[in-house]
Amino acid sequence: MTVLGFTRPSKRLKDSVKEAEDMGFTVYAAPSLEILPGEDQQFARFEESVTPESIVVFCSSTAVEECQTRYGDRLPGIVGDAKVVSIGPATTGKLEAVGITPSAVPEDYSSYGIVDMMRDEVGGKRVILVRSDSGSDVLSDGMMDAGAELVDIAAYRLKEAGMGNALLHMMMELKSGRIDVMAFTSPMSASMFIAAVEKQFGKERGDEYLHSVKVAAIGIPTKKRLTELGFAPDIVPEKTTFTDMLKAIRAEFPE
């Protein structure tokens, strides 16, 4: 049975472990990030910024959840007649559940996909990005380069989960050679895990352990970060979702 290791935001961890186990993987997983609500001023600025002519981009399902928590039933009214863009199917599902139907979803469910899809239509328009406080520069730079008036709303904040028993246990399994694949679901989580491994075992040994396994990246931004860190991924799915990454790993390791 293929042994898979990954980190996920704490609120996503349980469901992610179940999904991976249901696909036949033996799983070692640990929380990478804690999700905290955005500051009050961010939500106030969001309400002030939305106009019928603006484009509102929800960059994650968590962004929708945090907005729903803050605004409740008012969220569809706040968005109003603005064009709504969803980064991918999970985000679309959350939007539809609160009564908002997105007008567009990129083929590549990532910041790169949004830039490719929107670059020719945003010139002179207000684009409101609803995301975390650690959002990719790819999206903000891409929108500004295309001539958009950018409003960046941090609907939630990300905080490192820190070293816990689950993370330490997974690293010891990595050291012992019992993990076949390490999967990374964001640039931030990739940086954090690699830094933790190198701190625990030293850079030379830590890098040796990481190079002994296959590496999977959920999408292009994570692939780029891993490559910058010296761990170019072996597996990158065509679609940027956790499910598609699991399917790509399964294709590489058929049972």
Protein backbone atom coordinates (compact mmCIF):
# COMPACT_ATOMS: atom_id res chain seq x y z
CA MET A 1 0.00 0.00 0.00
CA THR A 2 1.37 3.42 -0.97
CA VAL A 3 2.30 5.57 2.02
CA LEU A 4 1.44 9.24 1.61
CA GLY A 5 2.46 12.19 3.76
CA PHE A 6 0.99 15.68 3.67
CA THR A 7 0.13 18.72 5.75
CA ARG A 8 -3.15 20.61 5.53
CA PRO A 9 -4.81 23.52 7.35
CA SER A 10 -6.17 22.09 10.59
CA LYS A 11 -9.84 22.53 9.62
CA ARG A 12 -9.27 20.58 6.36
CA LEU A 13 -7.13 17.82 7.82
CA LYS A 14 -9.76 15.28 8.89
CA ASP A 15 -11.64 15.32 5.57
CA SER A 16 -8.38 15.21 3.59
CA VAL A 17 -7.13 12.18 5.52
CA LYS A 18 -10.43 10.36 4.96
CA GLU A 19 -10.38 11.13 1.23
CA ALA A 20 -6.82 9.83 0.87
CA GLU A 21 -7.55 6.69 2.90
CA ASP A 22 -10.69 6.04 0.85
CA MET A 23 -8.45 6.02 -2.23
CA GLY A 24 -6.31 3.30 -0.65
CA PHE A 25 -3.38 5.29 0.74
CA THR A 26 -1.76 4.78 4.11
CA VAL A 27 -1.64 8.34 5.43
CA TYR A 28 0.62 10.34 7.70
CA ALA A 29 -0.72 13.87 8.03
CA ALA A 30 -0.28 16.89 10.24
CA PRO A 31 -1.76 20.38 10.52
CA SER A 32 0.24 23.05 8.73
CA LEU A 33 -1.76 26.21 9.29
CA GLU A 34 -4.40 27.63 11.58
CA ILE A 35 -7.09 29.72 9.88
CA LEU A 36 -8.04 32.91 11.73
CA PRO A 37 -10.76 35.43 10.76
CA GLY A 38 -9.77 38.57 8.91
CA GLU A 39 -9.64 41.94 10.64
CA ASP A 40 -12.86 43.98 10.93
CA GLN A 41 -11.45 46.70 8.68
CA GLN A 42 -10.94 44.20 5.87
CA PHE A 43 -14.62 43.28 5.81
CA ALA A 44 -15.66 46.93 6.06
CA ARG A 45 -13.42 47.75 3.10
CA PHE A 46 -14.94 44.88 1.13
CA GLU A 47 -18.45 46.27 1.59
CA GLU A 48 -17.31 49.75 0.60
CA SER A 49 -15.47 48.53 -2.49
CA VAL A 50 -18.09 46.40 -4.25
CA THR A 51 -19.97 48.14 -7.06
CA PRO A 52 -22.11 46.70 -9.87
CA GLU A 53 -19.24 47.37 -12.28
CA SER A 54 -16.56 45.63 -10.19
CA ILE A 55 -15.25 42.07 -10.43
CA VAL A 56 -15.12 40.08 -7.20
CA VAL A 57 -12.72 37.13 -7.19
CA PHE A 58 -13.12 34.53 -4.44
CA CYS A 59 -9.72 32.85 -4.25
CA SER A 60 -10.60 29.91 -1.99
CA SER A 61 -13.50 28.13 -0.37
CA THR A 62 -12.20 29.40 2.97
CA ALA A 63 -12.64 32.99 1.75
CA VAL A 64 -16.31 32.26 1.08
CA GLU A 65 -16.73 30.58 4.46
CA GLU A 66 -15.21 33.51 6.31
CA CYS A 67 -17.37 36.00 4.43
CA GLN A 68 -20.46 33.95 5.18
CA THR A 69 -19.51 33.79 8.86
CA ARG A 70 -19.07 37.55 8.94
CA TYR A 71 -22.06 38.65 6.83
CA GLY A 72 -24.49 35.74 7.08
CA ASP A 73 -27.47 36.14 4.76
CA ARG A 74 -26.27 39.60 3.73
CA LEU A 75 -23.41 38.24 1.59
CA PRO A 76 -25.35 37.86 -1.71
CA GLY A 77 -26.71 41.39 -1.30
CA ILE A 78 -23.24 42.80 -0.64
CA VAL A 79 -21.91 41.18 -3.81
CA GLY A 80 -25.03 42.35 -5.64
CA ASP A 81 -24.66 42.72 -9.41
CA ALA A 82 -20.87 42.57 -9.44
CA LYS A 83 -19.30 39.92 -11.64
CA VAL A 84 -18.17 37.02 -9.46
CA VAL A 85 -15.21 34.82 -10.33
CA SER A 86 -14.47 31.56 -8.50
CA ILE A 87 -11.01 30.01 -8.47
CA GLY A 88 -12.29 26.43 -8.67
CA PRO A 89 -15.03 23.87 -8.02
CA ALA A 90 -14.76 23.78 -4.21
CA THR A 91 -15.09 27.56 -4.07
CA THR A 92 -17.96 27.46 -6.57
CA GLY A 93 -19.78 24.95 -4.38
CA LYS A 94 -19.45 27.21 -1.35
CA LEU A 95 -20.65 30.24 -3.32
CA GLU A 96 -23.68 28.43 -4.70
CA ALA A 97 -24.54 27.18 -1.23
CA VAL A 98 -24.91 30.80 -0.05
CA GLY A 99 -26.89 31.88 -3.12
CA ILE A 100 -24.14 33.29 -5.37
CA THR A 101 -23.58 31.89 -8.85
CA PRO A 102 -20.14 32.72 -10.22
CA SER A 103 -19.88 34.01 -13.77
CA ALA A 104 -16.52 32.44 -14.52
CA VAL A 105 -14.12 29.73 -13.34
CA PRO A 106 -10.65 29.32 -14.89
CA GLU A 107 -9.62 26.08 -16.59
CA ASP A 108 -6.58 25.99 -14.31
CA TYR A 109 -7.86 26.36 -10.74
CA SER A 110 -5.04 28.63 -9.61
CA SER A 111 -3.84 32.23 -9.54
CA TYR A 112 -2.20 31.63 -12.91
CA GLY A 113 -5.49 30.39 -14.32
CA ILE A 114 -7.35 33.48 -13.13
CA VAL A 115 -4.73 35.80 -14.64
CA ASP A 116 -4.85 33.96 -17.96
CA MET A 117 -8.64 34.09 -18.03
CA MET A 118 -9.09 37.72 -16.98
CA ARG A 119 -6.13 39.68 -18.27
CA ASP A 120 -7.97 40.95 -21.37
CA GLU A 121 -11.08 42.19 -19.55
CA VAL A 122 -9.87 43.93 -16.40
CA GLY A 123 -8.24 47.05 -17.81
CA GLY A 124 -9.70 50.08 -16.05
CA LYS A 125 -11.99 47.94 -13.88
CA ARG A 126 -11.98 47.40 -10.13
CA VAL A 127 -10.96 43.84 -9.24
CA ILE A 128 -11.55 42.78 -5.64
CA LEU A 129 -9.55 39.76 -4.52
CA VAL A 130 -11.06 37.99 -1.51
CA ARG A 131 -8.45 35.66 -0.05
CA SER A 132 -5.95 35.09 2.78
CA ASP A 133 -3.39 37.54 4.11
CA SER A 134 -0.74 35.38 2.39
CA GLY A 135 -2.18 35.51 -1.12
CA SER A 136 0.06 34.93 -4.12
CA ASP A 137 1.74 37.91 -5.79
CA VAL A 138 1.04 36.14 -9.08
CA LEU A 139 -2.60 37.19 -8.93
CA SER A 140 -2.19 40.73 -7.63
CA ASP A 141 0.73 41.49 -9.98
CA GLY A 142 -1.13 39.94 -12.91
CA MET A 143 -4.22 42.05 -12.32
CA MET A 144 -2.27 45.28 -11.93
CA ASP A 145 -0.14 44.55 -14.98
CA ALA A 146 -3.38 44.12 -16.93
CA GLY A 147 -4.52 47.58 -15.85
CA ALA A 148 -6.98 46.70 -13.07
CA GLU A 149 -7.73 48.86 -10.05
CA LEU A 150 -6.86 46.29 -7.41
CA VAL A 151 -8.54 45.91 -4.02
CA ASP A 152 -7.01 43.12 -1.92
CA ILE A 153 -9.19 41.85 0.93
CA ALA A 154 -7.70 39.53 3.55
CA ALA A 155 -10.85 37.65 4.61
CA TYR A 156 -8.75 35.35 6.76
CA ARG A 157 -5.27 35.07 8.21
CA LEU A 158 -2.94 32.10 8.20
CA LYS A 159 -0.83 31.19 11.21
CA GLU A 160 1.73 28.41 11.35
CA ALA A 161 0.44 25.44 13.35
CA GLY A 162 3.94 24.82 14.69
CA MET A 163 5.63 21.60 15.73
CA GLY A 164 3.22 19.08 17.15
CA ASN A 165 3.22 15.34 17.72
CA ALA A 166 1.65 14.57 14.34
CA LEU A 167 4.23 16.61 12.42
CA LEU A 168 7.13 15.13 14.38
CA HIS A 169 5.78 11.60 13.83
CA MET A 170 5.49 12.19 10.09
CA MET A 171 9.04 13.51 9.91
CA MET A 172 10.34 10.45 11.76
CA GLU A 173 8.50 8.22 9.28
CA LEU A 174 10.14 10.19 6.47
CA LYS A 175 13.56 9.68 8.08
CA SER A 176 12.89 5.94 8.42
CA GLY A 177 12.07 5.61 4.71
CA ARG A 178 8.48 4.55 5.31
CA ILE A 179 6.89 7.31 3.22
CA ASP A 180 6.61 6.90 -0.55
CA VAL A 181 5.21 10.31 -1.49
CA MET A 182 5.17 13.73 0.15
CA ALA A 183 2.33 15.88 -1.20
CA PHE A 184 2.21 19.67 -0.87
CA THR A 185 -0.97 21.72 -1.20
CA SER A 186 0.35 25.29 -1.10
CA PRO A 187 3.63 27.19 -1.45
CA MET A 188 3.43 28.25 2.18
CA SER A 189 2.94 24.73 3.52
CA ALA A 190 5.79 23.46 1.33
CA SER A 191 8.16 26.11 2.70
CA MET A 192 7.10 25.42 6.27
CA PHE A 193 7.46 21.64 6.07
CA ILE A 194 10.85 21.72 4.37
CA ALA A 195 12.12 24.27 6.89
CA ALA A 196 10.87 22.05 9.75
CA VAL A 197 12.59 18.97 8.32
CA GLU A 198 15.87 20.82 7.84
CA LYS A 199 15.67 22.26 11.35
CA GLN A 200 14.95 18.84 12.87
CA PHE A 201 17.62 16.86 11.04
CA GLY A 202 20.01 19.48 9.68
CA LYS A 203 19.90 20.74 6.12
CA GLU A 204 22.09 18.02 4.57
CA ARG A 205 20.29 15.08 6.18
CA GLY A 206 16.89 16.71 5.88
CA ASP A 207 17.36 17.29 2.15
CA GLU A 208 18.57 13.71 1.78
CA TYR A 209 15.38 12.37 3.35
CA LEU A 210 13.20 14.59 1.19
CA HIS A 211 15.03 13.60 -1.99
CA SER A 212 14.43 9.93 -1.16
CA VAL A 213 10.68 10.20 -1.79
CA LYS A 214 8.48 11.25 -4.68
CA VAL A 215 7.19 14.80 -4.37
CA ALA A 216 3.73 15.93 -5.50
CA ALA A 217 2.56 19.54 -5.90
CA ILE A 218 -1.09 20.53 -6.11
CA GLY A 219 -0.48 23.14 -8.83
CA ILE A 220 1.85 25.56 -10.55
CA PRO A 221 2.48 28.01 -7.64
CA THR A 222 3.38 25.12 -5.33
CA LYS A 223 5.49 23.51 -8.06
CA LYS A 224 7.44 26.75 -8.48
CA ARG A 225 8.06 27.12 -4.76
CA LEU A 226 9.24 23.52 -4.42
CA THR A 227 11.54 23.95 -7.41
CA GLU A 228 12.99 27.13 -5.88
CA LEU A 229 13.66 25.16 -2.69
CA GLY A 230 15.48 22.44 -4.62
CA PHE A 231 12.71 19.82 -4.73
CA ALA A 232 11.22 19.93 -8.22
CA PRO A 233 8.04 17.84 -7.97
CA ASP A 234 7.64 14.52 -9.74
CA ILE A 235 3.83 14.73 -9.81
CA VAL A 236 1.62 17.73 -10.69
CA PRO A 237 -2.05 17.16 -11.57
CA GLU A 238 -3.70 18.86 -14.54
CA LYS A 239 -6.35 20.36 -12.26
CA THR A 240 -5.40 22.21 -9.09
CA THR A 241 -7.50 20.34 -6.53
CA PHE A 242 -6.61 18.02 -3.67
CA THR A 243 -8.69 15.24 -5.26
CA ASP A 244 -6.92 15.58 -8.60
CA MET A 245 -3.54 15.49 -6.87
CA LEU A 246 -4.50 12.25 -5.12
CA LYS A 247 -5.61 10.79 -8.46
CA ALA A 248 -2.32 11.79 -10.07
CA ILE A 249 -0.38 10.14 -7.24
CA ARG A 250 -2.51 7.01 -7.57
CA ALA A 251 -1.75 6.89 -11.30
CA GLU A 252 1.95 7.00 -10.46
CA PHE A 253 1.56 4.32 -7.78
CA PRO A 254 -1.15 1.90 -8.97
CA GLU A 255 -2.05 -0.75 -6.43
